Amino acid sequence: MLISGSLYIFIWNFNIFSADNWNIVYRYWESGGVIHTWKDYLLLLFLIAYIPFWYIGWKYFHKLNFLQILLWPINKYNQHMIEKYGADSNHIVLKYMGTGGIKIEEEIEIKSKPKTKIETDAEVNKIRSAIAEKINSVKHK
């Protein structure tokens, strides 16, 4: 709107947001004004096309992600820093992270003894039978 308003003022000295300018056009038209020059035709075309172009522009800007637009400089700077300092590094090295409370021996024991399908099925059947007993005991009361 700012660009189109500036364009109207620059070319035709017509402010589309001013009621006085619209009154001038209205009085000119009511007094039998005639469109003569290419500038007059262009002004008429632009005034008619203003609303559809405004609507199309509104739909376009409504779809934009304004957070991405606002964060663009920060993202660009971060990308620059990654390219500048992180280009040679293929992996990330984490130091002093610990093991998260699991001791290494326990972790090895857990990894070395995976459960078989038979053990898992036995545990599932045990849980199912316990649930069935609970349900039956509630029904009989």
N, C-alpha and C. Protein backbone atom coordinates (compact mmCIF):
# COMPACT_ATOMS: atom_id res chain seq x y z
N MET A 1 0.82 -1.19 0.00
CA MET A 1 0.00 0.00 0.00
C MET A 1 0.86 1.24 0.00
N LEU A 2 1.96 1.18 0.73
CA LEU A 2 2.85 2.33 0.79
C LEU A 2 3.49 2.59 -0.57
N ILE A 3 3.89 1.53 -1.26
CA ILE A 3 4.53 1.69 -2.57
C ILE A 3 3.52 2.20 -3.58
N SER A 4 2.33 1.60 -3.59
CA SER A 4 1.33 2.05 -4.56
C SER A 4 0.87 3.47 -4.26
N GLY A 5 0.73 3.81 -2.98
CA GLY A 5 0.37 5.18 -2.63
C GLY A 5 1.42 6.17 -3.08
N SER A 6 2.70 5.80 -2.92
CA SER A 6 3.78 6.68 -3.38
C SER A 6 3.78 6.80 -4.89
N LEU A 7 3.45 5.70 -5.58
CA LEU A 7 3.39 5.72 -7.04
C LEU A 7 2.28 6.67 -7.52
N TYR A 8 1.12 6.62 -6.89
CA TYR A 8 0.02 7.51 -7.26
C TYR A 8 0.41 8.97 -7.03
N ILE A 9 1.05 9.25 -5.94
CA ILE A 9 1.45 10.63 -5.64
C ILE A 9 2.52 11.10 -6.63
N PHE A 10 3.50 10.24 -6.93
CA PHE A 10 4.60 10.63 -7.81
C PHE A 10 4.12 10.87 -9.24
N ILE A 11 3.31 9.97 -9.77
CA ILE A 11 2.91 10.10 -11.18
C ILE A 11 1.77 11.10 -11.36
N TRP A 12 0.71 11.00 -10.55
CA TRP A 12 -0.50 11.78 -10.79
C TRP A 12 -0.75 12.86 -9.74
N ASN A 13 0.07 12.94 -8.71
CA ASN A 13 -0.15 13.85 -7.60
C ASN A 13 -1.55 13.60 -7.00
N PHE A 14 -1.85 12.31 -6.82
CA PHE A 14 -3.15 11.87 -6.34
C PHE A 14 -2.93 10.93 -5.16
N ASN A 15 -3.44 11.32 -4.01
CA ASN A 15 -3.32 10.49 -2.81
C ASN A 15 -4.60 9.68 -2.66
N ILE A 16 -4.50 8.38 -2.80
CA ILE A 16 -5.70 7.54 -2.76
C ILE A 16 -6.31 7.47 -1.37
N PHE A 17 -5.57 7.88 -0.36
CA PHE A 17 -6.08 7.85 1.01
C PHE A 17 -6.64 9.20 1.46
N SER A 18 -6.67 10.18 0.56
CA SER A 18 -7.15 11.51 0.89
C SER A 18 -8.56 11.72 0.33
N ALA A 19 -9.47 12.12 1.20
CA ALA A 19 -10.85 12.38 0.77
C ALA A 19 -10.91 13.61 -0.15
N ASP A 20 -10.04 14.58 0.07
CA ASP A 20 -10.03 15.78 -0.78
C ASP A 20 -9.71 15.42 -2.23
N ASN A 21 -8.74 14.54 -2.45
CA ASN A 21 -8.39 14.15 -3.81
C ASN A 21 -9.54 13.39 -4.48
N TRP A 22 -10.24 12.57 -3.73
CA TRP A 22 -11.39 11.86 -4.29
C TRP A 22 -12.52 12.83 -4.61
N ASN A 23 -12.68 13.88 -3.81
CA ASN A 23 -13.69 14.91 -4.11
C ASN A 23 -13.35 15.65 -5.40
N ILE A 24 -12.07 15.89 -5.64
CA ILE A 24 -11.65 16.55 -6.88
C ILE A 24 -12.01 15.69 -8.08
N VAL A 25 -11.73 14.38 -7.99
CA VAL A 25 -12.06 13.46 -9.09
C VAL A 25 -13.57 13.41 -9.28
N TYR A 26 -14.33 13.37 -8.20
CA TYR A 26 -15.79 13.31 -8.28
C TYR A 26 -16.36 14.57 -8.94
N ARG A 27 -15.87 15.75 -8.51
CA ARG A 27 -16.36 17.00 -9.11
C ARG A 27 -15.99 17.09 -10.59
N TYR A 28 -14.79 16.64 -10.94
CA TYR A 28 -14.35 16.64 -12.34
C TYR A 28 -15.25 15.74 -13.17
N TRP A 29 -15.56 14.57 -12.67
CA TRP A 29 -16.39 13.62 -13.41
C TRP A 29 -17.84 14.11 -13.52
N GLU A 30 -18.37 14.70 -12.45
CA GLU A 30 -19.75 15.20 -12.47
C GLU A 30 -19.92 16.43 -13.36
N SER A 31 -18.85 17.18 -13.55
CA SER A 31 -18.95 18.37 -14.40
C SER A 31 -18.71 18.04 -15.87
N GLY A 32 -18.66 16.73 -16.20
CA GLY A 32 -18.51 16.32 -17.60
C GLY A 32 -17.08 16.14 -18.01
N GLY A 33 -16.22 15.81 -17.09
CA GLY A 33 -14.81 15.60 -17.40
C GLY A 33 -14.61 14.44 -18.36
N VAL A 34 -13.62 14.60 -19.22
CA VAL A 34 -13.34 13.59 -20.25
C VAL A 34 -11.90 13.14 -20.08
N ILE A 35 -11.69 11.85 -20.31
CA ILE A 35 -10.34 11.29 -20.23
C ILE A 35 -9.68 11.53 -21.59
N HIS A 36 -8.56 12.29 -21.57
CA HIS A 36 -7.89 12.65 -22.81
C HIS A 36 -6.54 11.96 -22.98
N THR A 37 -5.70 12.08 -22.00
CA THR A 37 -4.31 11.65 -22.16
C THR A 37 -4.11 10.22 -21.67
N TRP A 38 -2.94 9.69 -22.01
CA TRP A 38 -2.60 8.33 -21.57
C TRP A 38 -2.43 8.28 -20.06
N LYS A 39 -2.05 9.40 -19.43
CA LYS A 39 -1.94 9.44 -17.97
C LYS A 39 -3.31 9.28 -17.32
N ASP A 40 -4.33 9.88 -17.92
CA ASP A 40 -5.69 9.74 -17.38
C ASP A 40 -6.18 8.30 -17.51
N TYR A 41 -5.93 7.69 -18.67
CA TYR A 41 -6.31 6.28 -18.84
C TYR A 41 -5.57 5.38 -17.87
N LEU A 42 -4.30 5.66 -17.68
CA LEU A 42 -3.50 4.86 -16.75
C LEU A 42 -3.99 5.03 -15.31
N LEU A 43 -4.36 6.26 -14.94
CA LEU A 43 -4.91 6.49 -13.60
C LEU A 43 -6.21 5.71 -13.41
N LEU A 44 -7.08 5.76 -14.41
CA LEU A 44 -8.33 5.01 -14.32
C LEU A 44 -8.07 3.51 -14.21
N LEU A 45 -7.15 3.01 -15.01
CA LEU A 45 -6.81 1.59 -14.95
C LEU A 45 -6.26 1.20 -13.58
N PHE A 46 -5.37 2.03 -13.06
CA PHE A 46 -4.78 1.74 -11.76
C PHE A 46 -5.82 1.83 -10.63
N LEU A 47 -6.74 2.76 -10.72
CA LEU A 47 -7.78 2.86 -9.70
C LEU A 47 -8.72 1.65 -9.73
N ILE A 48 -9.03 1.16 -10.93
CA ILE A 48 -9.88 -0.02 -11.04
C ILE A 48 -9.13 -1.28 -10.58
N ALA A 49 -7.85 -1.37 -10.91
CA ALA A 49 -7.06 -2.56 -10.59
C ALA A 49 -6.55 -2.55 -9.15
N TYR A 50 -6.72 -1.44 -8.45
CA TYR A 50 -6.17 -1.35 -7.10
C TYR A 50 -6.76 -2.40 -6.15
N ILE A 51 -8.06 -2.58 -6.18
CA ILE A 51 -8.71 -3.51 -5.25
C ILE A 51 -8.31 -4.96 -5.54
N PRO A 52 -8.33 -5.44 -6.80
CA PRO A 52 -7.88 -6.83 -7.01
C PRO A 52 -6.41 -7.05 -6.64
N PHE A 53 -5.56 -6.08 -6.97
CA PHE A 53 -4.15 -6.23 -6.59
C PHE A 53 -3.97 -6.18 -5.08
N TRP A 54 -4.74 -5.37 -4.42
CA TRP A 54 -4.67 -5.32 -2.95
C TRP A 54 -5.09 -6.66 -2.37
N TYR A 55 -6.16 -7.24 -2.91
CA TYR A 55 -6.64 -8.54 -2.43
C TYR A 55 -5.60 -9.64 -2.67
N ILE A 56 -5.00 -9.68 -3.84
CA ILE A 56 -3.98 -10.68 -4.14
C ILE A 56 -2.77 -10.49 -3.22
N GLY A 57 -2.37 -9.26 -3.02
CA GLY A 57 -1.24 -8.99 -2.11
C GLY A 57 -1.57 -9.39 -0.68
N TRP A 58 -2.79 -9.14 -0.25
CA TRP A 58 -3.20 -9.52 1.11
C TRP A 58 -3.12 -11.03 1.28
N LYS A 59 -3.61 -11.79 0.29
CA LYS A 59 -3.56 -13.25 0.36
C LYS A 59 -2.11 -13.73 0.39
N TYR A 60 -1.24 -13.10 -0.41
CA TYR A 60 0.16 -13.50 -0.44
C TYR A 60 0.84 -13.24 0.90
N PHE A 61 0.64 -12.08 1.47
CA PHE A 61 1.29 -11.75 2.73
C PHE A 61 0.67 -12.50 3.90
N HIS A 62 -0.58 -12.90 3.76
CA HIS A 62 -1.22 -13.70 4.81
C HIS A 62 -0.59 -15.09 4.92
N LYS A 63 -0.10 -15.60 3.80
CA LYS A 63 0.52 -16.93 3.79
C LYS A 63 1.96 -16.92 4.30
N LEU A 64 2.58 -15.76 4.36
CA LEU A 64 3.97 -15.69 4.78
C LEU A 64 4.12 -16.01 6.26
N ASN A 65 5.24 -16.60 6.60
CA ASN A 65 5.58 -16.89 7.99
C ASN A 65 6.41 -15.71 8.51
N PHE A 66 5.76 -14.82 9.25
CA PHE A 66 6.44 -13.60 9.68
C PHE A 66 7.52 -13.87 10.72
N LEU A 67 7.39 -14.96 11.47
CA LEU A 67 8.45 -15.31 12.42
C LEU A 67 9.73 -15.65 11.67
N GLN A 68 9.62 -16.37 10.56
CA GLN A 68 10.79 -16.69 9.74
C GLN A 68 11.39 -15.41 9.16
N ILE A 69 10.54 -14.46 8.77
CA ILE A 69 11.04 -13.20 8.23
C ILE A 69 11.79 -12.42 9.29
N LEU A 70 11.25 -12.38 10.51
CA LEU A 70 11.91 -11.66 11.60
C LEU A 70 13.21 -12.33 12.03
N LEU A 71 13.23 -13.66 11.98
CA LEU A 71 14.42 -14.40 12.41
C LEU A 71 15.43 -14.62 11.29
N TRP A 72 15.14 -14.13 10.09
CA TRP A 72 16.03 -14.34 8.96
C TRP A 72 17.45 -13.85 9.22
N PRO A 73 17.67 -12.65 9.78
CA PRO A 73 19.06 -12.22 10.02
C PRO A 73 19.80 -13.15 11.00
N ILE A 74 19.10 -13.61 12.02
CA ILE A 74 19.74 -14.49 13.00
C ILE A 74 20.07 -15.83 12.35
N ASN A 75 19.14 -16.37 11.58
CA ASN A 75 19.39 -17.64 10.89
C ASN A 75 20.54 -17.51 9.90
N LYS A 76 20.58 -16.39 9.19
CA LYS A 76 21.66 -16.16 8.22
C LYS A 76 23.01 -16.07 8.93
N TYR A 77 23.06 -15.39 10.08
CA TYR A 77 24.31 -15.29 10.85
C TYR A 77 24.72 -16.66 11.37
N ASN A 78 23.76 -17.44 11.89
CA ASN A 78 24.08 -18.78 12.38
C ASN A 78 24.61 -19.66 11.26
N GLN A 79 24.00 -19.58 10.10
CA GLN A 79 24.47 -20.37 8.96
C GLN A 79 25.88 -19.96 8.57
N HIS A 80 26.16 -18.66 8.61
CA HIS A 80 27.50 -18.17 8.32
C HIS A 80 28.52 -18.72 9.32
N MET A 81 28.16 -18.71 10.59
CA MET A 81 29.08 -19.21 11.62
C MET A 81 29.30 -20.72 11.48
N ILE A 82 28.26 -21.44 11.12
CA ILE A 82 28.41 -22.89 10.92
C ILE A 82 29.32 -23.16 9.74
N GLU A 83 29.15 -22.41 8.67
CA GLU A 83 30.02 -22.60 7.51
C GLU A 83 31.45 -22.19 7.80
N LYS A 84 31.62 -21.16 8.62
CA LYS A 84 32.96 -20.65 8.90
C LYS A 84 33.72 -21.56 9.86
N TYR A 85 33.08 -21.99 10.96
CA TYR A 85 33.81 -22.74 11.97
C TYR A 85 33.49 -24.23 11.99
N GLY A 86 32.37 -24.63 11.45
CA GLY A 86 31.98 -26.03 11.55
C GLY A 86 32.16 -26.82 10.28
N ALA A 87 32.77 -26.25 9.27
CA ALA A 87 32.89 -26.95 7.99
C ALA A 87 33.88 -28.12 8.08
N ASP A 88 34.92 -28.00 8.89
CA ASP A 88 35.93 -29.05 8.98
C ASP A 88 35.50 -30.19 9.88
N SER A 89 34.58 -29.95 10.77
CA SER A 89 34.18 -30.95 11.76
C SER A 89 33.08 -31.83 11.20
N ASN A 90 33.32 -33.16 11.21
CA ASN A 90 32.32 -34.11 10.73
C ASN A 90 31.47 -34.68 11.84
N HIS A 91 31.87 -34.51 13.07
CA HIS A 91 31.11 -35.06 14.18
C HIS A 91 31.17 -34.11 15.38
N ILE A 92 30.31 -34.36 16.34
CA ILE A 92 30.23 -33.54 17.54
C ILE A 92 30.87 -34.33 18.68
N VAL A 93 31.71 -33.65 19.44
CA VAL A 93 32.36 -34.30 20.57
C VAL A 93 31.75 -33.72 21.85
N LEU A 94 31.17 -34.58 22.67
CA LEU A 94 30.60 -34.18 23.95
C LEU A 94 31.55 -34.60 25.05
N LYS A 95 31.96 -33.66 25.86
CA LYS A 95 32.90 -33.97 26.95
C LYS A 95 32.18 -33.81 28.28
N TYR A 96 32.61 -34.59 29.25
CA TYR A 96 32.14 -34.50 30.64
C TYR A 96 30.62 -34.70 30.73
N MET A 97 30.07 -35.61 29.92
CA MET A 97 28.63 -35.85 29.95
C MET A 97 28.24 -36.93 30.94
N GLY A 98 29.17 -37.79 31.35
CA GLY A 98 28.82 -38.88 32.27
C GLY A 98 28.08 -39.97 31.54
N THR A 99 27.56 -40.94 32.30
CA THR A 99 26.84 -42.05 31.67
C THR A 99 25.37 -42.02 32.02
N GLY A 100 24.89 -40.98 32.64
CA GLY A 100 23.46 -40.86 32.92
C GLY A 100 22.98 -41.75 34.04
N GLY A 101 23.83 -42.10 34.99
CA GLY A 101 23.40 -42.88 36.14
C GLY A 101 23.53 -44.39 35.96
N ILE A 102 23.75 -44.87 34.77
CA ILE A 102 23.92 -46.31 34.55
C ILE A 102 25.42 -46.58 34.52
N LYS A 103 25.82 -47.54 35.32
CA LYS A 103 27.24 -47.88 35.33
C LYS A 103 27.56 -48.70 34.08
N ILE A 104 28.79 -48.63 33.67
CA ILE A 104 29.21 -49.29 32.44
C ILE A 104 29.01 -50.80 32.52
N GLU A 105 29.30 -51.41 33.68
CA GLU A 105 29.14 -52.86 33.81
C GLU A 105 27.68 -53.25 33.63
N GLU A 106 26.76 -52.49 34.23
CA GLU A 106 25.33 -52.79 34.09
C GLU A 106 24.89 -52.63 32.64
N GLU A 107 25.42 -51.62 31.97
CA GLU A 107 25.05 -51.39 30.58
C GLU A 107 25.51 -52.55 29.71
N ILE A 108 26.71 -53.05 29.96
CA ILE A 108 27.22 -54.18 29.19
C ILE A 108 26.38 -55.42 29.47
N GLU A 109 26.00 -55.62 30.72
CA GLU A 109 25.18 -56.78 31.09
C GLU A 109 23.82 -56.72 30.41
N ILE A 110 23.23 -55.54 30.37
CA ILE A 110 21.92 -55.38 29.72
C ILE A 110 22.04 -55.66 28.22
N LYS A 111 23.07 -55.13 27.58
CA LYS A 111 23.24 -55.34 26.15
C LYS A 111 23.57 -56.78 25.81
N SER A 112 24.30 -57.46 26.67
CA SER A 112 24.74 -58.81 26.35
C SER A 112 23.66 -59.85 26.57
N LYS A 113 22.59 -59.55 27.29
CA LYS A 113 21.57 -60.54 27.60
C LYS A 113 20.21 -60.07 27.08
N PRO A 114 20.00 -60.18 25.77
CA PRO A 114 18.69 -59.79 25.24
C PRO A 114 17.64 -60.85 25.56
N LYS A 115 16.41 -60.43 25.69
CA LYS A 115 15.33 -61.36 25.98
C LYS A 115 14.94 -62.11 24.72
N THR A 116 14.63 -63.37 24.91
CA THR A 116 14.16 -64.15 23.77
C THR A 116 12.65 -64.01 23.67
N LYS A 117 12.09 -64.46 22.57
CA LYS A 117 10.65 -64.35 22.35
C LYS A 117 9.90 -65.25 23.33
N ILE A 118 10.46 -66.37 23.69
CA ILE A 118 9.80 -67.29 24.61
C ILE A 118 9.67 -66.67 25.99
N GLU A 119 10.74 -66.02 26.46
CA GLU A 119 10.68 -65.36 27.76
C GLU A 119 9.65 -64.23 27.73
N THR A 120 9.61 -63.50 26.65
CA THR A 120 8.66 -62.40 26.54
C THR A 120 7.23 -62.91 26.53
N ASP A 121 6.95 -63.99 25.78
CA ASP A 121 5.61 -64.57 25.74
C ASP A 121 5.19 -65.09 27.11
N ALA A 122 6.14 -65.68 27.84
CA ALA A 122 5.82 -66.19 29.18
C ALA A 122 5.44 -65.04 30.11
N GLU A 123 6.17 -63.94 30.02
CA GLU A 123 5.85 -62.78 30.85
C GLU A 123 4.49 -62.20 30.48
N VAL A 124 4.18 -62.14 29.19
CA VAL A 124 2.89 -61.61 28.74
C VAL A 124 1.76 -62.50 29.24
N ASN A 125 1.94 -63.82 29.14
CA ASN A 125 0.90 -64.74 29.62
C ASN A 125 0.70 -64.62 31.12
N LYS A 126 1.77 -64.43 31.87
CA LYS A 126 1.68 -64.26 33.31
C LYS A 126 0.88 -63.00 33.66
N ILE A 127 1.13 -61.92 32.94
CA ILE A 127 0.41 -60.65 33.18
C ILE A 127 -1.07 -60.82 32.80
N ARG A 128 -1.33 -61.50 31.69
CA ARG A 128 -2.72 -61.71 31.27
C ARG A 128 -3.49 -62.54 32.28
N SER A 129 -2.87 -63.56 32.80
CA SER A 129 -3.57 -64.40 33.78
C SER A 129 -3.82 -63.63 35.07
N ALA A 130 -2.89 -62.77 35.49
CA ALA A 130 -3.09 -61.96 36.69
C ALA A 130 -4.25 -60.99 36.49
N ILE A 131 -4.36 -60.42 35.31
CA ILE A 131 -5.46 -59.50 35.02
C ILE A 131 -6.79 -60.26 35.00
N ALA A 132 -6.79 -61.45 34.41
CA ALA A 132 -8.01 -62.26 34.36
C ALA A 132 -8.47 -62.64 35.76
N GLU A 133 -7.54 -62.98 36.65
CA GLU A 133 -7.89 -63.32 38.04
C GLU A 133 -8.49 -62.12 38.73
N LYS A 134 -7.95 -60.93 38.51
CA LYS A 134 -8.49 -59.71 39.14
C LYS A 134 -9.91 -59.47 38.66
N ILE A 135 -10.12 -59.59 37.35
CA ILE A 135 -11.47 -59.36 36.80
C ILE A 135 -12.46 -60.37 37.34
N ASN A 136 -12.05 -61.64 37.41
CA ASN A 136 -12.96 -62.69 37.92
C ASN A 136 -13.26 -62.48 39.39
N SER A 137 -12.29 -62.04 40.17
CA SER A 137 -12.54 -61.83 41.60
C SER A 137 -13.50 -60.65 41.81
N VAL A 138 -13.46 -59.64 40.94
CA VAL A 138 -14.38 -58.50 41.04
C VAL A 138 -15.79 -58.92 40.63
N LYS A 139 -15.93 -59.79 39.63
CA LYS A 139 -17.23 -60.23 39.16
C LYS A 139 -17.94 -61.09 40.22
N HIS A 140 -17.22 -61.91 40.97
CA HIS A 140 -17.80 -62.83 41.93
C HIS A 140 -18.18 -62.14 43.22
N LYS A 141 -17.78 -60.96 43.46
CA LYS A 141 -18.11 -60.28 44.72
C LYS A 141 -19.47 -59.73 44.74
